[in-house]
Amino acid sequence: MVLAAPLGLIGFLALLSPDGDGPTVCPFALCTGMACPGCGMTRAASNLIRGNMTTALAYHPLIPLIAAMAVGGWLWYQLRRSGRVRPLPTRWVNAIMIGTGVMLLGVWVARALTGTLPPV
C-alpha cells in the first residue's frame, strides 16, 4: 500500500487534464475570489509529470522544490520504516516546514503584485 499510493497519485496526475477548467475546490479561492499560495500546484504537478517544465513553472514556480520534497519525504519514510535511518530532529522538520511556508507566501505575494496569480 505504501508503494501503491505514490504510483496512484502519479497516475492520477498523468490522466488529469492540466489545462482543463474544472471546478475550484480551494476554500481560500472560493471565499476570497483570489488564488491561494498553493493554487496552480496540481496543474503544475500534472505538467511536470508530462515533461512540460515551462508550463509547470508558469502554473507554480515552486513545483520542482515541492516535488523534490515529496519524493525525498517518501524515500526518508521508507528508510525510516525499515530502520535504516533515525528520525529527523524536530528542529530540522520545523525549519523545513517554516521555510517552505515562507517561500510559498513570498511567491504568492510576488505573483499578486505582478498580476501573475493563476485564474481561480
N, C-alpha and C. Protein backbone atom coordinates (compact mmCIF):
# COMPACT_ATOMS: atom_id res chain seq x y z
N MET A 1 0.83 -1.20 0.00
CA MET A 1 0.00 0.00 0.00
C MET A 1 0.87 1.26 0.00
N VAL A 2 1.98 1.21 0.73
CA VAL A 2 2.87 2.37 0.81
C VAL A 2 3.49 2.65 -0.55
N LEU A 3 3.73 1.62 -1.33
CA LEU A 3 4.28 1.81 -2.67
C LEU A 3 3.19 2.20 -3.67
N ALA A 4 1.98 1.73 -3.46
CA ALA A 4 0.89 1.98 -4.41
C ALA A 4 0.37 3.41 -4.34
N ALA A 5 0.39 4.01 -3.18
CA ALA A 5 -0.16 5.36 -3.04
C ALA A 5 0.55 6.39 -3.92
N PRO A 6 1.90 6.46 -3.91
CA PRO A 6 2.56 7.43 -4.79
C PRO A 6 2.34 7.12 -6.26
N LEU A 7 2.31 5.84 -6.62
CA LEU A 7 2.08 5.47 -8.01
C LEU A 7 0.66 5.85 -8.44
N GLY A 8 -0.30 5.68 -7.54
CA GLY A 8 -1.67 6.09 -7.83
C GLY A 8 -1.78 7.58 -8.04
N LEU A 9 -1.08 8.35 -7.21
CA LEU A 9 -1.09 9.81 -7.35
C LEU A 9 -0.46 10.23 -8.67
N ILE A 10 0.65 9.61 -9.03
CA ILE A 10 1.31 9.94 -10.30
C ILE A 10 0.39 9.58 -11.47
N GLY A 11 -0.27 8.42 -11.37
CA GLY A 11 -1.21 8.03 -12.42
C GLY A 11 -2.37 9.01 -12.54
N PHE A 12 -2.90 9.45 -11.40
CA PHE A 12 -3.99 10.43 -11.40
C PHE A 12 -3.55 11.73 -12.05
N LEU A 13 -2.36 12.21 -11.68
CA LEU A 13 -1.87 13.47 -12.24
C LEU A 13 -1.58 13.34 -13.73
N ALA A 14 -1.14 12.15 -14.16
CA ALA A 14 -0.87 11.93 -15.58
C ALA A 14 -2.16 11.93 -16.39
N LEU A 15 -3.25 11.42 -15.81
CA LEU A 15 -4.53 11.37 -16.50
C LEU A 15 -5.29 12.69 -16.43
N LEU A 16 -4.99 13.48 -15.42
CA LEU A 16 -5.67 14.76 -15.22
C LEU A 16 -5.37 15.70 -16.38
N SER A 17 -6.38 16.37 -16.86
CA SER A 17 -6.18 17.36 -17.91
C SER A 17 -5.68 18.63 -17.25
N PRO A 18 -4.38 18.94 -17.38
CA PRO A 18 -3.82 20.07 -16.64
C PRO A 18 -4.33 21.43 -17.06
N ASP A 19 -4.89 21.54 -18.25
CA ASP A 19 -5.37 22.84 -18.71
C ASP A 19 -6.88 22.94 -18.67
N GLY A 20 -7.53 21.93 -18.10
CA GLY A 20 -8.99 21.92 -18.05
C GLY A 20 -9.53 22.95 -17.07
N ASP A 21 -10.68 23.44 -17.36
CA ASP A 21 -11.34 24.40 -16.48
C ASP A 21 -12.30 23.65 -15.57
N GLY A 22 -11.75 22.97 -14.59
CA GLY A 22 -12.58 22.23 -13.65
C GLY A 22 -13.08 23.13 -12.54
N PRO A 23 -13.88 22.57 -11.66
CA PRO A 23 -14.40 23.38 -10.55
C PRO A 23 -13.30 23.75 -9.56
N THR A 24 -13.43 24.90 -8.95
CA THR A 24 -12.48 25.33 -7.92
C THR A 24 -12.88 24.68 -6.61
N VAL A 25 -11.93 24.01 -5.98
CA VAL A 25 -12.20 23.36 -4.69
C VAL A 25 -11.39 23.99 -3.55
N CYS A 26 -10.59 24.97 -3.87
CA CYS A 26 -9.76 25.64 -2.86
C CYS A 26 -10.64 26.53 -1.98
N PRO A 27 -10.71 26.27 -0.67
CA PRO A 27 -11.55 27.09 0.21
C PRO A 27 -11.13 28.57 0.20
N PHE A 28 -9.84 28.83 0.17
CA PHE A 28 -9.35 30.21 0.16
C PHE A 28 -9.84 30.93 -1.09
N ALA A 29 -9.70 30.28 -2.25
CA ALA A 29 -10.13 30.89 -3.50
C ALA A 29 -11.64 31.06 -3.55
N LEU A 30 -12.38 30.11 -3.01
CA LEU A 30 -13.84 30.21 -3.01
C LEU A 30 -14.32 31.36 -2.12
N CYS A 31 -13.62 31.59 -1.00
CA CYS A 31 -14.02 32.65 -0.07
C CYS A 31 -13.55 34.03 -0.52
N THR A 32 -12.39 34.11 -1.13
CA THR A 32 -11.81 35.42 -1.45
C THR A 32 -11.88 35.78 -2.93
N GLY A 33 -12.05 34.77 -3.79
CA GLY A 33 -12.01 35.03 -5.23
C GLY A 33 -10.60 35.23 -5.74
N MET A 34 -9.62 34.93 -4.90
CA MET A 34 -8.21 35.12 -5.23
C MET A 34 -7.47 33.81 -5.01
N ALA A 35 -6.52 33.50 -5.86
CA ALA A 35 -5.74 32.27 -5.73
C ALA A 35 -4.96 32.25 -4.41
N CYS A 36 -4.86 31.09 -3.81
CA CYS A 36 -4.10 30.94 -2.56
C CYS A 36 -2.62 30.71 -2.87
N PRO A 37 -1.74 30.67 -1.87
CA PRO A 37 -0.32 30.45 -2.14
C PRO A 37 -0.02 29.13 -2.86
N GLY A 38 -0.88 28.14 -2.74
CA GLY A 38 -0.64 26.85 -3.40
C GLY A 38 -1.44 26.65 -4.67
N CYS A 39 -2.29 27.62 -5.02
CA CYS A 39 -3.11 27.47 -6.23
C CYS A 39 -2.22 27.31 -7.46
N GLY A 40 -2.60 26.38 -8.31
CA GLY A 40 -1.83 26.08 -9.51
C GLY A 40 -0.89 24.91 -9.32
N MET A 41 -0.74 24.44 -8.08
CA MET A 41 0.22 23.38 -7.80
C MET A 41 -0.18 22.05 -8.45
N THR A 42 -1.48 21.71 -8.45
CA THR A 42 -1.91 20.44 -9.06
C THR A 42 -1.68 20.47 -10.56
N ARG A 43 -2.05 21.57 -11.21
CA ARG A 43 -1.82 21.70 -12.65
C ARG A 43 -0.32 21.71 -12.95
N ALA A 44 0.46 22.33 -12.07
CA ALA A 44 1.91 22.35 -12.25
C ALA A 44 2.48 20.94 -12.14
N ALA A 45 2.01 20.18 -11.14
CA ALA A 45 2.49 18.80 -10.96
C ALA A 45 2.11 17.93 -12.15
N SER A 46 0.90 18.11 -12.65
CA SER A 46 0.46 17.34 -13.81
C SER A 46 1.35 17.64 -15.03
N ASN A 47 1.65 18.90 -15.24
CA ASN A 47 2.53 19.26 -16.35
C ASN A 47 3.96 18.77 -16.13
N LEU A 48 4.42 18.81 -14.89
CA LEU A 48 5.77 18.33 -14.58
C LEU A 48 5.89 16.85 -14.90
N ILE A 49 4.89 16.07 -14.53
CA ILE A 49 4.90 14.63 -14.81
C ILE A 49 4.89 14.37 -16.31
N ARG A 50 4.24 15.23 -17.07
CA ARG A 50 4.19 15.10 -18.53
C ARG A 50 5.45 15.61 -19.20
N GLY A 51 6.35 16.24 -18.44
CA GLY A 51 7.59 16.76 -19.00
C GLY A 51 7.49 18.18 -19.52
N ASN A 52 6.38 18.86 -19.25
CA ASN A 52 6.20 20.25 -19.68
C ASN A 52 6.72 21.20 -18.59
N MET A 53 8.02 21.31 -18.48
CA MET A 53 8.61 22.08 -17.38
C MET A 53 8.25 23.56 -17.46
N THR A 54 8.26 24.15 -18.64
CA THR A 54 7.94 25.57 -18.78
C THR A 54 6.51 25.86 -18.32
N THR A 55 5.57 25.02 -18.76
CA THR A 55 4.18 25.20 -18.36
C THR A 55 4.01 24.96 -16.87
N ALA A 56 4.70 23.94 -16.34
CA ALA A 56 4.63 23.64 -14.91
C ALA A 56 5.10 24.83 -14.09
N LEU A 57 6.21 25.43 -14.50
CA LEU A 57 6.73 26.59 -13.77
C LEU A 57 5.82 27.80 -13.90
N ALA A 58 5.11 27.91 -15.00
CA ALA A 58 4.17 29.01 -15.17
C ALA A 58 2.99 28.86 -14.21
N TYR A 59 2.54 27.62 -13.99
CA TYR A 59 1.44 27.40 -13.05
C TYR A 59 1.87 27.62 -11.61
N HIS A 60 3.06 27.14 -11.26
CA HIS A 60 3.60 27.42 -9.91
C HIS A 60 5.11 27.22 -9.93
N PRO A 61 5.87 28.30 -9.68
CA PRO A 61 7.32 28.22 -9.79
C PRO A 61 8.00 27.34 -8.73
N LEU A 62 7.30 26.97 -7.68
CA LEU A 62 7.92 26.13 -6.65
C LEU A 62 7.68 24.64 -6.86
N ILE A 63 7.07 24.25 -7.98
CA ILE A 63 6.75 22.84 -8.18
C ILE A 63 7.98 21.94 -8.18
N PRO A 64 9.13 22.31 -8.75
CA PRO A 64 10.28 21.39 -8.66
C PRO A 64 10.71 21.16 -7.21
N LEU A 65 10.70 22.20 -6.40
CA LEU A 65 11.07 22.06 -5.00
C LEU A 65 10.07 21.19 -4.25
N ILE A 66 8.79 21.44 -4.44
CA ILE A 66 7.75 20.68 -3.75
C ILE A 66 7.80 19.22 -4.19
N ALA A 67 8.02 18.96 -5.48
CA ALA A 67 8.12 17.59 -5.97
C ALA A 67 9.35 16.89 -5.37
N ALA A 68 10.47 17.60 -5.32
CA ALA A 68 11.68 17.02 -4.72
C ALA A 68 11.46 16.73 -3.23
N MET A 69 10.77 17.61 -2.54
CA MET A 69 10.48 17.39 -1.12
C MET A 69 9.55 16.19 -0.94
N ALA A 70 8.57 16.04 -1.83
CA ALA A 70 7.65 14.90 -1.74
C ALA A 70 8.38 13.59 -1.96
N VAL A 71 9.23 13.54 -2.98
CA VAL A 71 10.00 12.32 -3.26
C VAL A 71 10.97 12.05 -2.12
N GLY A 72 11.67 13.08 -1.66
CA GLY A 72 12.61 12.92 -0.55
C GLY A 72 11.92 12.47 0.72
N GLY A 73 10.75 13.04 1.00
CA GLY A 73 10.00 12.64 2.19
C GLY A 73 9.53 11.21 2.11
N TRP A 74 9.09 10.79 0.93
CA TRP A 74 8.65 9.40 0.75
C TRP A 74 9.82 8.44 0.91
N LEU A 75 10.98 8.79 0.33
CA LEU A 75 12.16 7.94 0.48
C LEU A 75 12.61 7.87 1.94
N TRP A 76 12.61 9.01 2.61
CA TRP A 76 13.00 9.04 4.02
C TRP A 76 12.05 8.17 4.85
N TYR A 77 10.77 8.25 4.54
CA TYR A 77 9.78 7.44 5.24
C TYR A 77 10.07 5.95 5.05
N GLN A 78 10.40 5.57 3.82
CA GLN A 78 10.71 4.16 3.55
C GLN A 78 11.95 3.71 4.32
N LEU A 79 12.97 4.54 4.32
CA LEU A 79 14.20 4.22 5.07
C LEU A 79 13.92 4.17 6.56
N ARG A 80 13.12 5.09 7.04
CA ARG A 80 12.77 5.14 8.46
C ARG A 80 11.98 3.90 8.87
N ARG A 81 11.04 3.50 8.02
CA ARG A 81 10.24 2.30 8.30
C ARG A 81 11.08 1.05 8.37
N SER A 82 12.13 0.99 7.55
CA SER A 82 12.99 -0.19 7.53
C SER A 82 14.05 -0.13 8.63
N GLY A 83 14.11 0.97 9.37
CA GLY A 83 15.06 1.09 10.46
C GLY A 83 16.46 1.49 10.03
N ARG A 84 16.62 1.93 8.81
CA ARG A 84 17.96 2.29 8.30
C ARG A 84 18.41 3.69 8.70
N VAL A 85 17.45 4.56 9.01
CA VAL A 85 17.80 5.92 9.43
C VAL A 85 17.00 6.27 10.68
N ARG A 86 17.51 7.24 11.38
CA ARG A 86 16.81 7.73 12.57
C ARG A 86 15.87 8.86 12.16
N PRO A 87 14.91 9.19 13.02
CA PRO A 87 14.02 10.32 12.69
C PRO A 87 14.80 11.62 12.56
N LEU A 88 14.30 12.49 11.71
CA LEU A 88 14.91 13.81 11.61
C LEU A 88 14.68 14.57 12.91
N PRO A 89 15.65 15.35 13.33
CA PRO A 89 15.44 16.17 14.52
C PRO A 89 14.26 17.13 14.31
N THR A 90 13.51 17.36 15.35
CA THR A 90 12.34 18.25 15.29
C THR A 90 12.74 19.63 14.78
N ARG A 91 13.90 20.07 15.16
CA ARG A 91 14.39 21.38 14.73
C ARG A 91 14.49 21.45 13.20
N TRP A 92 14.98 20.37 12.57
CA TRP A 92 15.11 20.33 11.11
C TRP A 92 13.73 20.33 10.45
N VAL A 93 12.83 19.51 10.99
CA VAL A 93 11.47 19.43 10.43
C VAL A 93 10.80 20.80 10.51
N ASN A 94 10.92 21.46 11.65
CA ASN A 94 10.34 22.80 11.80
C ASN A 94 10.94 23.79 10.81
N ALA A 95 12.26 23.74 10.64
CA ALA A 95 12.93 24.65 9.71
C ALA A 95 12.46 24.41 8.27
N ILE A 96 12.30 23.15 7.91
CA ILE A 96 11.84 22.81 6.56
C ILE A 96 10.41 23.31 6.36
N MET A 97 9.55 23.07 7.33
CA MET A 97 8.15 23.49 7.21
C MET A 97 8.01 25.01 7.17
N ILE A 98 8.70 25.69 8.06
CA ILE A 98 8.62 27.15 8.09
C ILE A 98 9.23 27.74 6.82
N GLY A 99 10.36 27.21 6.39
CA GLY A 99 10.99 27.68 5.17
C GLY A 99 10.10 27.51 3.95
N THR A 100 9.44 26.36 3.86
CA THR A 100 8.53 26.12 2.74
C THR A 100 7.36 27.09 2.78
N GLY A 101 6.81 27.32 3.96
CA GLY A 101 5.70 28.27 4.10
C GLY A 101 6.11 29.67 3.72
N VAL A 102 7.29 30.08 4.14
CA VAL A 102 7.79 31.43 3.80
C VAL A 102 7.97 31.56 2.28
N MET A 103 8.52 30.51 1.66
CA MET A 103 8.70 30.56 0.20
C MET A 103 7.36 30.61 -0.52
N LEU A 104 6.39 29.82 -0.07
CA LEU A 104 5.06 29.85 -0.69
C LEU A 104 4.44 31.23 -0.57
N LEU A 105 4.52 31.81 0.62
CA LEU A 105 3.97 33.16 0.81
C LEU A 105 4.72 34.21 -0.01
N GLY A 106 6.03 34.08 -0.09
CA GLY A 106 6.83 35.02 -0.87
C GLY A 106 6.48 34.98 -2.35
N VAL A 107 6.35 33.77 -2.89
CA VAL A 107 5.97 33.63 -4.30
C VAL A 107 4.56 34.16 -4.52
N TRP A 108 3.67 33.88 -3.57
CA TRP A 108 2.28 34.35 -3.69
C TRP A 108 2.22 35.88 -3.72
N VAL A 109 2.94 36.52 -2.82
CA VAL A 109 2.96 37.99 -2.78
C VAL A 109 3.55 38.55 -4.07
N ALA A 110 4.66 37.97 -4.52
CA ALA A 110 5.29 38.44 -5.77
C ALA A 110 4.35 38.28 -6.96
N ARG A 111 3.65 37.15 -7.02
CA ARG A 111 2.72 36.91 -8.12
C ARG A 111 1.50 37.84 -8.02
N ALA A 112 1.05 38.12 -6.80
CA ALA A 112 -0.09 39.04 -6.63
C ALA A 112 0.30 40.44 -7.07
N LEU A 113 1.50 40.87 -6.72
CA LEU A 113 1.95 42.22 -7.08
C LEU A 113 2.18 42.38 -8.58
N THR A 114 2.57 41.27 -9.24
CA THR A 114 2.83 41.35 -10.67
C THR A 114 1.63 40.93 -11.52
N GLY A 115 0.55 40.50 -10.86
CA GLY A 115 -0.66 40.10 -11.58
C GLY A 115 -0.54 38.76 -12.28
N THR A 116 0.32 37.88 -11.77
CA THR A 116 0.53 36.59 -12.44
C THR A 116 -0.04 35.41 -11.64
N LEU A 117 -0.96 35.69 -10.70
CA LEU A 117 -1.61 34.58 -10.00
C LEU A 117 -2.45 33.78 -10.98
N PRO A 118 -2.52 32.46 -10.79
CA PRO A 118 -3.35 31.66 -11.71
C PRO A 118 -4.83 32.02 -11.57
N PRO A 119 -5.60 31.78 -12.61
CA PRO A 119 -7.04 32.07 -12.53
C PRO A 119 -7.73 31.15 -11.53
N VAL A 120 -8.76 31.66 -10.90
CA VAL A 120 -9.50 30.86 -9.90
C VAL A 120 -10.73 30.28 -10.54
